[in-house]
Amino acid sequence: MKLINSFGPNPRVVRMFLAEKGLSIPTTDIDMLGGDNRKPPYTDKNPGGQTPALELDDGSVLGETVVICEYLEEIHPTPVLVGRNAQERAEARQWQRRVELNITEYVYNAFRFGEGLGLFKDRVHCIPPASAEMKVSAQKWLSKLDGLIAGRDFIAGNEIRVADVVLYCCLDFAKDVGQPLDEANANIMAWFKRMDARPSATASLSPNWTDVKMRG
């Protein structure tokens, strides 16, 4: 199998997941900043046009970030990043779903419609007036999550799970492009520092992140 990789927080999720697993797989890079992911031949493989994608040995392609992570967990079940049994997996997916629906989708669209408009306006349908309210929605749920994770080391409990990787990569990207972390969320700040200190956080950064001035 081969990871079709690029700059960006979602490709970083898979890279960080792989690093947490201690896995290394072949990669090929695509120029996401240049828009190569939005046209053939890439869209022939992944019609969603987003990155990353995982090309399997039979030529089929998985094109959703968390689906890729779950596939990797199934074929390399340890160390555990989704769950050891049905209940643990359900709980991990529950938190991952909450994080994506209530926080990361708002954060990313706020960027696409706001600070990133120049990059995205000709690639996806953008709604610039919505950017500010999307930021508010994301911050409100982060404040809610701050209370929900009180007493935990990680989002779903005291072990790292896929939701932690998804949210960390999102917030680490967003904090430098118009959506800073709110220091009033003490539990989120402590969690973020724990995630940021993990070797996988540094190992997963794109080599050119300092050039583009975004952590992806």
N, C-alpha and C. Protein backbone atom coordinates (compact mmCIF):
# COMPACT_ATOMS: atom_id res chain seq x y z
N MET A 1 0.84 -1.19 0.00
CA MET A 1 0.00 0.00 0.00
C MET A 1 0.88 1.25 0.00
N LYS A 2 0.25 2.38 -0.35
CA LYS A 2 0.99 3.63 -0.50
C LYS A 2 0.13 4.79 -0.02
N LEU A 3 0.71 5.67 0.78
CA LEU A 3 0.01 6.86 1.24
C LEU A 3 0.22 7.99 0.24
N ILE A 4 -0.88 8.52 -0.28
CA ILE A 4 -0.81 9.71 -1.13
C ILE A 4 -0.90 10.90 -0.19
N ASN A 5 0.18 11.60 -0.06
CA ASN A 5 0.43 12.54 1.01
C ASN A 5 0.48 13.97 0.47
N SER A 6 0.29 14.94 1.36
CA SER A 6 0.46 16.34 0.99
C SER A 6 0.63 17.16 2.25
N PHE A 7 0.87 18.44 2.07
CA PHE A 7 0.78 19.36 3.20
C PHE A 7 -0.67 19.44 3.66
N GLY A 8 -0.87 19.68 4.95
CA GLY A 8 -2.23 19.91 5.44
C GLY A 8 -2.50 19.18 6.74
N PRO A 9 -3.45 19.66 7.53
CA PRO A 9 -3.74 19.02 8.82
C PRO A 9 -4.34 17.63 8.69
N ASN A 10 -5.14 17.36 7.67
CA ASN A 10 -5.70 16.01 7.54
C ASN A 10 -4.65 14.98 7.14
N PRO A 11 -3.78 15.27 6.15
CA PRO A 11 -2.68 14.34 5.93
C PRO A 11 -1.81 14.15 7.16
N ARG A 12 -1.66 15.23 7.93
CA ARG A 12 -0.87 15.12 9.16
C ARG A 12 -1.52 14.16 10.14
N VAL A 13 -2.84 14.12 10.19
CA VAL A 13 -3.52 13.16 11.07
C VAL A 13 -3.04 11.74 10.78
N VAL A 14 -3.00 11.37 9.51
CA VAL A 14 -2.57 10.01 9.16
C VAL A 14 -1.09 9.83 9.47
N ARG A 15 -0.28 10.84 9.18
CA ARG A 15 1.14 10.71 9.50
C ARG A 15 1.37 10.56 11.01
N MET A 16 0.62 11.31 11.79
CA MET A 16 0.76 11.22 13.26
C MET A 16 0.25 9.87 13.75
N PHE A 17 -0.84 9.40 13.18
CA PHE A 17 -1.38 8.08 13.52
C PHE A 17 -0.35 7.00 13.22
N LEU A 18 0.27 7.08 12.06
CA LEU A 18 1.32 6.12 11.69
C LEU A 18 2.49 6.19 12.68
N ALA A 19 2.88 7.41 13.06
CA ALA A 19 3.99 7.57 13.99
C ALA A 19 3.65 6.98 15.35
N GLU A 20 2.40 7.19 15.80
CA GLU A 20 1.98 6.59 17.07
C GLU A 20 2.00 5.07 16.99
N LYS A 21 1.70 4.55 15.83
CA LYS A 21 1.71 3.10 15.62
C LYS A 21 3.12 2.54 15.44
N GLY A 22 4.08 3.42 15.15
CA GLY A 22 5.42 2.96 14.84
C GLY A 22 5.51 2.35 13.46
N LEU A 23 4.63 2.80 12.55
CA LEU A 23 4.58 2.25 11.20
C LEU A 23 5.22 3.20 10.20
N SER A 24 5.80 2.64 9.17
CA SER A 24 6.32 3.41 8.05
C SER A 24 5.86 2.74 6.77
N ILE A 25 5.19 3.52 5.91
CA ILE A 25 4.73 2.97 4.63
C ILE A 25 5.19 3.89 3.51
N PRO A 26 5.31 3.37 2.29
CA PRO A 26 5.71 4.23 1.17
C PRO A 26 4.73 5.38 0.97
N THR A 27 5.25 6.52 0.56
CA THR A 27 4.41 7.68 0.31
C THR A 27 4.75 8.30 -1.03
N THR A 28 3.77 8.98 -1.59
CA THR A 28 4.00 9.82 -2.75
C THR A 28 3.30 11.14 -2.48
N ASP A 29 3.93 12.24 -2.82
CA ASP A 29 3.40 13.56 -2.48
C ASP A 29 2.65 14.17 -3.66
N ILE A 30 1.59 14.90 -3.31
CA ILE A 30 0.83 15.64 -4.30
C ILE A 30 0.78 17.09 -3.85
N ASP A 31 0.79 18.01 -4.80
CA ASP A 31 0.84 19.44 -4.48
C ASP A 31 -0.57 19.94 -4.18
N MET A 32 -0.97 19.84 -2.91
CA MET A 32 -2.28 20.31 -2.50
C MET A 32 -2.37 21.83 -2.59
N LEU A 33 -1.31 22.53 -2.20
CA LEU A 33 -1.33 23.99 -2.24
C LEU A 33 -1.47 24.49 -3.68
N GLY A 34 -0.94 23.72 -4.63
CA GLY A 34 -1.08 24.08 -6.04
C GLY A 34 -2.37 23.59 -6.68
N GLY A 35 -3.16 22.84 -5.93
CA GLY A 35 -4.47 22.39 -6.41
C GLY A 35 -4.47 21.11 -7.20
N ASP A 36 -3.36 20.37 -7.20
CA ASP A 36 -3.31 19.13 -7.99
C ASP A 36 -4.27 18.06 -7.48
N ASN A 37 -4.72 18.20 -6.23
CA ASN A 37 -5.66 17.22 -5.68
C ASN A 37 -7.09 17.44 -6.17
N ARG A 38 -7.34 18.54 -6.87
CA ARG A 38 -8.70 18.86 -7.31
C ARG A 38 -8.92 18.56 -8.80
N LYS A 39 -7.99 17.85 -9.41
CA LYS A 39 -8.12 17.58 -10.83
C LYS A 39 -7.50 16.22 -11.15
N PRO A 40 -7.80 15.68 -12.34
CA PRO A 40 -7.16 14.43 -12.75
C PRO A 40 -5.65 14.62 -12.86
N PRO A 41 -4.87 13.60 -12.66
CA PRO A 41 -5.28 12.20 -12.47
C PRO A 41 -5.66 11.84 -11.03
N TYR A 42 -5.44 12.80 -10.09
CA TYR A 42 -5.73 12.45 -8.69
C TYR A 42 -7.21 12.16 -8.48
N THR A 43 -8.10 12.99 -9.04
CA THR A 43 -9.53 12.77 -8.81
C THR A 43 -10.06 11.51 -9.50
N ASP A 44 -9.28 10.94 -10.43
CA ASP A 44 -9.66 9.65 -10.98
C ASP A 44 -9.56 8.56 -9.91
N LYS A 45 -8.61 8.76 -8.99
CA LYS A 45 -8.43 7.80 -7.90
C LYS A 45 -9.31 8.15 -6.70
N ASN A 46 -9.39 9.43 -6.41
CA ASN A 46 -10.13 9.90 -5.24
C ASN A 46 -11.06 11.02 -5.66
N PRO A 47 -12.28 10.71 -6.06
CA PRO A 47 -13.18 11.73 -6.59
C PRO A 47 -13.55 12.81 -5.59
N GLY A 48 -13.33 12.55 -4.29
CA GLY A 48 -13.57 13.59 -3.30
C GLY A 48 -12.60 14.76 -3.43
N GLY A 49 -11.43 14.48 -3.98
CA GLY A 49 -10.45 15.54 -4.23
C GLY A 49 -9.70 16.03 -3.02
N GLN A 50 -9.91 15.37 -1.88
CA GLN A 50 -9.20 15.80 -0.68
C GLN A 50 -7.97 14.93 -0.46
N THR A 51 -7.10 15.36 0.41
CA THR A 51 -5.95 14.55 0.81
C THR A 51 -6.03 14.33 2.32
N PRO A 52 -5.47 13.18 2.77
CA PRO A 52 -4.69 12.19 2.07
C PRO A 52 -5.58 11.12 1.42
N ALA A 53 -4.93 10.14 0.81
CA ALA A 53 -5.60 8.93 0.34
C ALA A 53 -4.65 7.77 0.55
N LEU A 54 -5.20 6.60 0.68
CA LEU A 54 -4.40 5.40 0.85
C LEU A 54 -4.69 4.47 -0.31
N GLU A 55 -3.66 4.21 -1.14
CA GLU A 55 -3.81 3.30 -2.27
C GLU A 55 -3.39 1.90 -1.83
N LEU A 56 -4.31 0.97 -1.92
CA LEU A 56 -4.05 -0.40 -1.47
C LEU A 56 -3.39 -1.22 -2.58
N ASP A 57 -2.94 -2.40 -2.20
CA ASP A 57 -2.17 -3.23 -3.13
C ASP A 57 -2.98 -3.67 -4.35
N ASP A 58 -4.30 -3.72 -4.20
CA ASP A 58 -5.14 -4.12 -5.33
C ASP A 58 -5.54 -2.94 -6.22
N GLY A 59 -5.02 -1.75 -5.89
CA GLY A 59 -5.31 -0.56 -6.69
C GLY A 59 -6.48 0.26 -6.19
N SER A 60 -7.27 -0.27 -5.25
CA SER A 60 -8.37 0.51 -4.69
C SER A 60 -7.81 1.61 -3.78
N VAL A 61 -8.62 2.64 -3.59
CA VAL A 61 -8.16 3.82 -2.87
C VAL A 61 -9.15 4.19 -1.78
N LEU A 62 -8.64 4.41 -0.58
CA LEU A 62 -9.43 4.94 0.53
C LEU A 62 -9.14 6.43 0.63
N GLY A 63 -10.19 7.24 0.66
CA GLY A 63 -9.98 8.68 0.58
C GLY A 63 -10.54 9.49 1.72
N GLU A 64 -10.78 8.88 2.89
CA GLU A 64 -11.26 9.63 4.05
C GLU A 64 -10.28 9.41 5.19
N THR A 65 -9.90 10.50 5.85
CA THR A 65 -8.82 10.46 6.83
C THR A 65 -9.05 9.43 7.93
N VAL A 66 -10.18 9.50 8.60
CA VAL A 66 -10.42 8.60 9.73
C VAL A 66 -10.63 7.17 9.25
N VAL A 67 -11.20 7.00 8.07
CA VAL A 67 -11.34 5.64 7.49
C VAL A 67 -9.95 5.04 7.28
N ILE A 68 -9.02 5.84 6.80
CA ILE A 68 -7.64 5.35 6.61
C ILE A 68 -7.06 4.93 7.96
N CYS A 69 -7.25 5.75 8.98
CA CYS A 69 -6.73 5.42 10.31
C CYS A 69 -7.36 4.12 10.83
N GLU A 70 -8.66 3.96 10.64
CA GLU A 70 -9.30 2.75 11.13
C GLU A 70 -8.83 1.52 10.36
N TYR A 71 -8.60 1.67 9.07
CA TYR A 71 -8.07 0.55 8.28
C TYR A 71 -6.68 0.15 8.82
N LEU A 72 -5.85 1.15 9.08
CA LEU A 72 -4.52 0.86 9.61
C LEU A 72 -4.60 0.18 10.97
N GLU A 73 -5.56 0.59 11.78
CA GLU A 73 -5.74 -0.04 13.09
C GLU A 73 -6.15 -1.51 12.93
N GLU A 74 -7.00 -1.79 11.96
CA GLU A 74 -7.45 -3.17 11.79
C GLU A 74 -6.33 -4.10 11.36
N ILE A 75 -5.42 -3.59 10.53
CA ILE A 75 -4.33 -4.47 10.08
C ILE A 75 -3.12 -4.41 10.99
N HIS A 76 -3.06 -3.37 11.85
CA HIS A 76 -1.98 -3.25 12.84
C HIS A 76 -2.63 -2.83 14.17
N PRO A 77 -3.25 -3.77 14.88
CA PRO A 77 -4.09 -3.41 16.03
C PRO A 77 -3.38 -2.88 17.26
N THR A 78 -2.05 -3.01 17.32
CA THR A 78 -1.34 -2.48 18.49
C THR A 78 -0.21 -1.55 18.02
N PRO A 79 0.07 -0.51 18.81
CA PRO A 79 -0.67 -0.06 19.99
C PRO A 79 -2.06 0.43 19.62
N VAL A 80 -2.95 0.34 20.56
CA VAL A 80 -4.37 0.62 20.31
C VAL A 80 -4.61 2.12 20.21
N LEU A 81 -5.24 2.54 19.12
CA LEU A 81 -5.61 3.95 18.96
C LEU A 81 -7.10 4.12 18.65
N VAL A 82 -7.80 3.02 18.45
CA VAL A 82 -9.27 3.09 18.31
C VAL A 82 -9.90 2.37 19.49
N GLY A 83 -9.63 1.07 19.66
CA GLY A 83 -10.17 0.37 20.81
C GLY A 83 -9.84 -1.10 20.79
N ARG A 84 -9.84 -1.72 21.97
CA ARG A 84 -9.50 -3.13 22.10
C ARG A 84 -10.70 -4.05 21.86
N ASN A 85 -11.89 -3.52 22.06
CA ASN A 85 -13.10 -4.32 21.93
C ASN A 85 -14.22 -3.44 21.40
N ALA A 86 -15.40 -4.04 21.23
CA ALA A 86 -16.50 -3.30 20.61
C ALA A 86 -16.88 -2.06 21.39
N GLN A 87 -16.91 -2.14 22.72
CA GLN A 87 -17.29 -0.99 23.51
C GLN A 87 -16.26 0.13 23.41
N GLU A 88 -14.98 -0.23 23.54
CA GLU A 88 -13.93 0.79 23.44
C GLU A 88 -13.95 1.46 22.06
N ARG A 89 -14.14 0.67 21.02
CA ARG A 89 -14.18 1.23 19.68
C ARG A 89 -15.38 2.16 19.50
N ALA A 90 -16.52 1.76 20.05
CA ALA A 90 -17.72 2.61 19.96
C ALA A 90 -17.51 3.93 20.69
N GLU A 91 -16.90 3.86 21.87
CA GLU A 91 -16.66 5.09 22.63
C GLU A 91 -15.67 6.00 21.90
N ALA A 92 -14.63 5.41 21.33
CA ALA A 92 -13.65 6.21 20.59
C ALA A 92 -14.29 6.87 19.38
N ARG A 93 -15.13 6.11 18.67
CA ARG A 93 -15.79 6.67 17.49
C ARG A 93 -16.81 7.73 17.88
N GLN A 94 -17.45 7.56 19.01
CA GLN A 94 -18.39 8.56 19.51
C GLN A 94 -17.68 9.90 19.69
N TRP A 95 -16.53 9.89 20.35
CA TRP A 95 -15.81 11.13 20.60
C TRP A 95 -15.21 11.70 19.32
N GLN A 96 -14.74 10.82 18.45
CA GLN A 96 -14.23 11.30 17.16
C GLN A 96 -15.33 11.99 16.37
N ARG A 97 -16.53 11.41 16.39
CA ARG A 97 -17.67 12.00 15.68
C ARG A 97 -18.05 13.35 16.28
N ARG A 98 -18.07 13.44 17.59
CA ARG A 98 -18.39 14.71 18.25
C ARG A 98 -17.37 15.78 17.89
N VAL A 99 -16.11 15.39 17.91
CA VAL A 99 -15.04 16.35 17.60
C VAL A 99 -15.16 16.84 16.16
N GLU A 100 -15.39 15.93 15.23
CA GLU A 100 -15.46 16.33 13.82
C GLU A 100 -16.71 17.15 13.51
N LEU A 101 -17.86 16.71 13.98
CA LEU A 101 -19.11 17.40 13.65
C LEU A 101 -19.22 18.77 14.30
N ASN A 102 -18.70 18.89 15.53
CA ASN A 102 -18.93 20.10 16.30
C ASN A 102 -17.75 21.08 16.35
N ILE A 103 -16.56 20.58 16.00
CA ILE A 103 -15.39 21.45 16.11
C ILE A 103 -14.62 21.52 14.80
N THR A 104 -14.04 20.41 14.36
CA THR A 104 -13.08 20.51 13.25
C THR A 104 -13.73 20.95 11.95
N GLU A 105 -14.95 20.51 11.66
CA GLU A 105 -15.60 20.95 10.42
C GLU A 105 -15.84 22.45 10.44
N TYR A 106 -16.22 22.99 11.60
CA TYR A 106 -16.40 24.44 11.71
C TYR A 106 -15.06 25.16 11.57
N VAL A 107 -14.03 24.64 12.23
CA VAL A 107 -12.71 25.27 12.16
C VAL A 107 -12.21 25.32 10.73
N TYR A 108 -12.27 24.19 10.04
CA TYR A 108 -11.72 24.14 8.68
C TYR A 108 -12.52 25.02 7.72
N ASN A 109 -13.85 24.99 7.82
CA ASN A 109 -14.63 25.83 6.93
C ASN A 109 -14.47 27.31 7.26
N ALA A 110 -14.32 27.65 8.53
CA ALA A 110 -14.04 29.04 8.89
C ALA A 110 -12.76 29.52 8.23
N PHE A 111 -11.76 28.63 8.17
CA PHE A 111 -10.51 28.99 7.50
C PHE A 111 -10.71 29.10 5.99
N ARG A 112 -11.39 28.12 5.40
CA ARG A 112 -11.60 28.15 3.95
C ARG A 112 -12.37 29.40 3.52
N PHE A 113 -13.33 29.80 4.33
CA PHE A 113 -14.17 30.94 3.97
C PHE A 113 -13.57 32.27 4.43
N GLY A 114 -12.51 32.20 5.24
CA GLY A 114 -11.90 33.40 5.80
C GLY A 114 -10.46 33.57 5.38
N GLU A 115 -9.55 33.26 6.30
CA GLU A 115 -8.12 33.47 6.02
C GLU A 115 -7.63 32.68 4.82
N GLY A 116 -8.24 31.55 4.54
CA GLY A 116 -7.81 30.72 3.41
C GLY A 116 -8.60 30.92 2.14
N LEU A 117 -9.41 31.98 2.08
CA LEU A 117 -10.29 32.18 0.94
C LEU A 117 -9.54 32.25 -0.38
N GLY A 118 -8.40 32.91 -0.39
CA GLY A 118 -7.64 33.02 -1.62
C GLY A 118 -7.20 31.68 -2.16
N LEU A 119 -6.99 30.74 -1.27
CA LEU A 119 -6.57 29.40 -1.67
C LEU A 119 -7.74 28.54 -2.12
N PHE A 120 -8.91 28.74 -1.51
CA PHE A 120 -10.02 27.82 -1.72
C PHE A 120 -11.15 28.35 -2.59
N LYS A 121 -11.19 29.65 -2.90
CA LYS A 121 -12.35 30.22 -3.57
C LYS A 121 -12.64 29.61 -4.94
N ASP A 122 -11.62 29.12 -5.61
CA ASP A 122 -11.84 28.50 -6.92
C ASP A 122 -11.85 26.98 -6.86
N ARG A 123 -11.84 26.43 -5.64
CA ARG A 123 -11.78 24.97 -5.49
C ARG A 123 -13.06 24.39 -4.90
N VAL A 124 -13.63 25.08 -3.93
CA VAL A 124 -14.86 24.62 -3.29
C VAL A 124 -15.80 25.81 -3.16
N HIS A 125 -17.07 25.51 -2.93
CA HIS A 125 -18.04 26.59 -2.74
C HIS A 125 -17.76 27.26 -1.39
N CYS A 126 -17.44 28.53 -1.38
CA CYS A 126 -17.09 29.24 -0.17
C CYS A 126 -18.18 30.24 0.21
N ILE A 127 -18.38 30.43 1.50
CA ILE A 127 -19.40 31.35 2.01
C ILE A 127 -18.71 32.30 2.98
N PRO A 128 -18.02 33.32 2.47
CA PRO A 128 -17.23 34.20 3.34
C PRO A 128 -17.98 34.78 4.54
N PRO A 129 -19.26 35.19 4.40
CA PRO A 129 -19.93 35.75 5.58
C PRO A 129 -20.11 34.75 6.73
N ALA A 130 -19.98 33.46 6.44
CA ALA A 130 -20.18 32.45 7.48
C ALA A 130 -18.95 32.22 8.33
N SER A 131 -17.80 32.70 7.90
CA SER A 131 -16.55 32.38 8.58
C SER A 131 -16.57 32.77 10.06
N ALA A 132 -16.98 33.99 10.36
CA ALA A 132 -16.93 34.47 11.74
C ALA A 132 -17.82 33.64 12.66
N GLU A 133 -19.03 33.32 12.22
CA GLU A 133 -19.94 32.54 13.05
C GLU A 133 -19.49 31.10 13.21
N MET A 134 -18.82 30.57 12.19
CA MET A 134 -18.27 29.22 12.33
C MET A 134 -17.18 29.18 13.39
N LYS A 135 -16.38 30.23 13.45
CA LYS A 135 -15.37 30.31 14.51
C LYS A 135 -16.02 30.33 15.89
N VAL A 136 -17.11 31.08 16.01
CA VAL A 136 -17.84 31.13 17.27
C VAL A 136 -18.37 29.75 17.65
N SER A 137 -18.96 29.05 16.68
CA SER A 137 -19.51 27.72 16.94
C SER A 137 -18.43 26.77 17.42
N ALA A 138 -17.28 26.79 16.75
CA ALA A 138 -16.18 25.90 17.15
C ALA A 138 -15.71 26.22 18.56
N GLN A 139 -15.56 27.49 18.87
CA GLN A 139 -15.07 27.88 20.19
C GLN A 139 -16.07 27.52 21.28
N LYS A 140 -17.36 27.63 21.00
CA LYS A 140 -18.36 27.25 21.99
C LYS A 140 -18.26 25.77 22.33
N TRP A 141 -18.06 24.94 21.30
CA TRP A 141 -17.98 23.51 21.58
C TRP A 141 -16.65 23.14 22.23
N LEU A 142 -15.60 23.87 21.91
CA LEU A 142 -14.33 23.63 22.60
C LEU A 142 -14.47 23.95 24.09
N SER A 143 -15.20 25.00 24.40
CA SER A 143 -15.45 25.33 25.81
C SER A 143 -16.27 24.23 26.48
N LYS A 144 -17.24 23.68 25.75
CA LYS A 144 -18.02 22.57 26.28
C LYS A 144 -17.13 21.35 26.49
N LEU A 145 -16.29 21.05 25.51
CA LEU A 145 -15.38 19.91 25.62
C LEU A 145 -14.42 20.09 26.79
N ASP A 146 -14.03 21.32 27.06
CA ASP A 146 -13.14 21.60 28.18
C ASP A 146 -13.71 21.04 29.48
N GLY A 147 -15.01 21.21 29.67
CA GLY A 147 -15.64 20.65 30.86
C GLY A 147 -15.79 19.14 30.81
N LEU A 148 -16.07 18.63 29.63
CA LEU A 148 -16.30 17.19 29.49
C LEU A 148 -15.06 16.36 29.73
N ILE A 149 -13.87 16.92 29.47
CA ILE A 149 -12.64 16.13 29.65
C ILE A 149 -11.96 16.39 30.98
N ALA A 150 -12.63 17.08 31.89
CA ALA A 150 -12.05 17.32 33.22
C ALA A 150 -11.69 15.99 33.89
N GLY A 151 -10.47 15.90 34.39
CA GLY A 151 -10.02 14.69 35.06
C GLY A 151 -9.48 13.62 34.14
N ARG A 152 -9.47 13.88 32.82
CA ARG A 152 -8.95 12.90 31.86
C ARG A 152 -7.63 13.41 31.26
N ASP A 153 -6.81 12.47 30.86
CA ASP A 153 -5.61 12.84 30.12
C ASP A 153 -5.91 13.09 28.65
N PHE A 154 -6.90 12.35 28.12
CA PHE A 154 -7.23 12.45 26.71
C PHE A 154 -8.74 12.58 26.54
N ILE A 155 -9.19 12.77 25.32
CA ILE A 155 -10.59 13.11 25.08
C ILE A 155 -11.53 11.99 25.49
N ALA A 156 -11.19 10.75 25.15
CA ALA A 156 -12.09 9.63 25.43
C ALA A 156 -11.76 8.91 26.73
N GLY A 157 -10.77 9.38 27.46
CA GLY A 157 -10.37 8.72 28.69
C GLY A 157 -8.93 9.01 29.02
N ASN A 158 -8.22 8.01 29.49
CA ASN A 158 -6.82 8.21 29.88
C ASN A 158 -5.83 7.56 28.93
N GLU A 159 -6.29 7.18 27.74
CA GLU A 159 -5.41 6.68 26.69
C GLU A 159 -5.67 7.46 25.41
N ILE A 160 -4.62 7.69 24.65
CA ILE A 160 -4.77 8.42 23.40
C ILE A 160 -5.61 7.61 22.42
N ARG A 161 -6.49 8.32 21.71
CA ARG A 161 -7.35 7.71 20.71
C ARG A 161 -7.37 8.58 19.46
N VAL A 162 -8.01 8.09 18.43
CA VAL A 162 -8.01 8.79 17.15
C VAL A 162 -8.58 10.20 17.28
N ALA A 163 -9.56 10.41 18.15
CA ALA A 163 -10.13 11.75 18.32
C ALA A 163 -9.08 12.76 18.77
N ASP A 164 -8.13 12.32 19.59
CA ASP A 164 -7.07 13.22 20.05
C ASP A 164 -6.20 13.66 18.88
N VAL A 165 -5.87 12.73 18.01
CA VAL A 165 -5.02 13.05 16.87
C VAL A 165 -5.75 14.00 15.91
N VAL A 166 -7.03 13.71 15.66
CA VAL A 166 -7.82 14.55 14.76
C VAL A 166 -7.92 15.98 15.29
N LEU A 167 -8.25 16.12 16.57
CA LEU A 167 -8.43 17.47 17.12
C LEU A 167 -7.10 18.19 17.27
N TYR A 168 -6.07 17.49 17.70
CA TYR A 168 -4.77 18.15 17.86
C TYR A 168 -4.27 18.73 16.53
N CYS A 169 -4.30 17.94 15.48
CA CYS A 169 -3.80 18.42 14.19
C CYS A 169 -4.61 19.61 13.69
N CYS A 170 -5.90 19.60 13.96
CA CYS A 170 -6.76 20.72 13.58
C CYS A 170 -6.39 21.99 14.35
N LEU A 171 -6.33 21.88 15.68
CA LEU A 171 -6.09 23.06 16.49
C LEU A 171 -4.67 23.60 16.32
N ASP A 172 -3.70 22.69 16.12
CA ASP A 172 -2.33 23.15 15.91
C ASP A 172 -2.20 23.93 14.61
N PHE A 173 -2.96 23.53 13.61
CA PHE A 173 -3.01 24.28 12.35
C PHE A 173 -3.73 25.60 12.54
N ALA A 174 -4.90 25.55 13.16
CA ALA A 174 -5.78 26.72 13.22
C ALA A 174 -5.25 27.83 14.10
N LYS A 175 -4.48 27.49 15.13
CA LYS A 175 -4.07 28.50 16.10
C LYS A 175 -3.21 29.60 15.50
N ASP A 176 -2.59 29.33 14.36
CA ASP A 176 -1.72 30.32 13.72
C ASP A 176 -2.38 30.98 12.51
N VAL A 177 -3.64 30.63 12.23
CA VAL A 177 -4.30 31.20 11.05
C VAL A 177 -5.68 31.75 11.43
N GLY A 178 -5.70 32.48 12.53
CA GLY A 178 -6.91 33.21 12.89
C GLY A 178 -7.82 32.57 13.91
N GLN A 179 -7.46 31.39 14.44
CA GLN A 179 -8.31 30.73 15.43
C GLN A 179 -7.44 30.24 16.59
N PRO A 180 -6.95 31.17 17.42
CA PRO A 180 -6.04 30.81 18.50
C PRO A 180 -6.73 30.00 19.58
N LEU A 181 -5.94 29.27 20.34
CA LEU A 181 -6.46 28.54 21.48
C LEU A 181 -6.90 29.53 22.56
N ASP A 182 -7.99 29.20 23.22
CA ASP A 182 -8.51 30.03 24.30
C ASP A 182 -7.92 29.55 25.62
N GLU A 183 -7.05 30.36 26.21
CA GLU A 183 -6.37 29.94 27.44
C GLU A 183 -7.32 29.78 28.61
N ALA A 184 -8.56 30.29 28.48
CA ALA A 184 -9.54 30.08 29.54
C ALA A 184 -9.97 28.62 29.63
N ASN A 185 -9.77 27.86 28.57
CA ASN A 185 -10.09 26.43 28.56
C ASN A 185 -8.90 25.66 29.12
N ALA A 186 -8.79 25.63 30.42
CA ALA A 186 -7.59 25.09 31.06
C ALA A 186 -7.38 23.61 30.76
N ASN A 187 -8.46 22.83 30.70
CA ASN A 187 -8.31 21.41 30.42
C ASN A 187 -7.87 21.16 28.99
N ILE A 188 -8.42 21.93 28.05
CA ILE A 188 -8.00 21.82 26.65
C ILE A 188 -6.54 22.24 26.52
N MET A 189 -6.14 23.30 27.19
CA MET A 189 -4.74 23.75 27.11
C MET A 189 -3.79 22.68 27.65
N ALA A 190 -4.15 22.06 28.76
CA ALA A 190 -3.30 21.01 29.33
C ALA A 190 -3.24 19.80 28.39
N TRP A 191 -4.40 19.44 27.83
CA TRP A 191 -4.44 18.33 26.86
C TRP A 191 -3.58 18.67 25.64
N PHE A 192 -3.70 19.89 25.14
CA PHE A 192 -2.94 20.28 23.95
C PHE A 192 -1.44 20.18 24.22
N LYS A 193 -1.01 20.60 25.38
CA LYS A 193 0.42 20.53 25.72
C LYS A 193 0.88 19.07 25.79
N ARG A 194 0.03 18.19 26.32
CA ARG A 194 0.39 16.76 26.35
C ARG A 194 0.54 16.22 24.93
N MET A 195 -0.39 16.57 24.06
CA MET A 195 -0.32 16.11 22.69
C MET A 195 0.89 16.70 21.97
N ASP A 196 1.13 17.97 22.19
CA ASP A 196 2.21 18.66 21.50
C ASP A 196 3.58 18.11 21.89
N ALA A 197 3.67 17.55 23.09
CA ALA A 197 4.95 17.00 23.57
C ALA A 197 5.23 15.60 23.05
N ARG A 198 4.27 14.97 22.42
CA ARG A 198 4.48 13.61 21.92
C ARG A 198 5.43 13.64 20.72
N PRO A 199 6.35 12.69 20.64
CA PRO A 199 7.26 12.66 19.49
C PRO A 199 6.53 12.65 18.15
N SER A 200 5.36 12.02 18.10
CA SER A 200 4.60 11.94 16.85
C SER A 200 4.15 13.32 16.37
N ALA A 201 3.99 14.27 17.28
CA ALA A 201 3.55 15.61 16.89
C ALA A 201 4.59 16.29 16.02
N THR A 202 5.85 16.18 16.41
CA THR A 202 6.93 16.77 15.62
C THR A 202 7.20 15.94 14.37
N ALA A 203 7.20 14.62 14.52
CA ALA A 203 7.52 13.74 13.39
C ALA A 203 6.52 13.87 12.26
N SER A 204 5.28 14.28 12.56
CA SER A 204 4.23 14.31 11.55
C SER A 204 4.15 15.62 10.78
N LEU A 205 4.87 16.64 11.21
CA LEU A 205 4.83 17.93 10.51
C LEU A 205 5.44 17.81 9.11
N SER A 206 4.84 18.49 8.14
CA SER A 206 5.42 18.53 6.80
C SER A 206 6.77 19.25 6.85
N PRO A 207 7.75 18.79 6.08
CA PRO A 207 9.06 19.43 6.10
C PRO A 207 9.02 20.91 5.72
N ASN A 208 8.02 21.31 4.92
CA ASN A 208 7.98 22.70 4.44
C ASN A 208 7.02 23.58 5.24
N TRP A 209 6.63 23.15 6.43
CA TRP A 209 5.62 23.93 7.16
C TRP A 209 6.13 25.32 7.51
N THR A 210 7.43 25.45 7.77
CA THR A 210 7.95 26.79 8.10
C THR A 210 7.91 27.71 6.88
N ASP A 211 8.04 27.14 5.69
CA ASP A 211 8.00 27.96 4.46
C ASP A 211 6.60 28.49 4.21
N VAL A 212 5.58 27.66 4.43
CA VAL A 212 4.22 28.09 4.17
C VAL A 212 3.58 28.76 5.38
N LYS A 213 4.31 28.73 6.51
CA LYS A 213 3.87 29.40 7.74
C LYS A 213 2.53 28.86 8.25
N MET A 214 2.31 27.58 8.06
CA MET A 214 1.15 26.89 8.60
C MET A 214 1.60 25.52 9.04
N ARG A 215 1.07 25.07 10.18
CA ARG A 215 1.48 23.77 10.72
C ARG A 215 0.55 22.69 10.19
N GLY A 216 1.04 22.02 9.16
CA GLY A 216 0.25 20.97 8.54
C GLY A 216 1.12 19.83 8.08
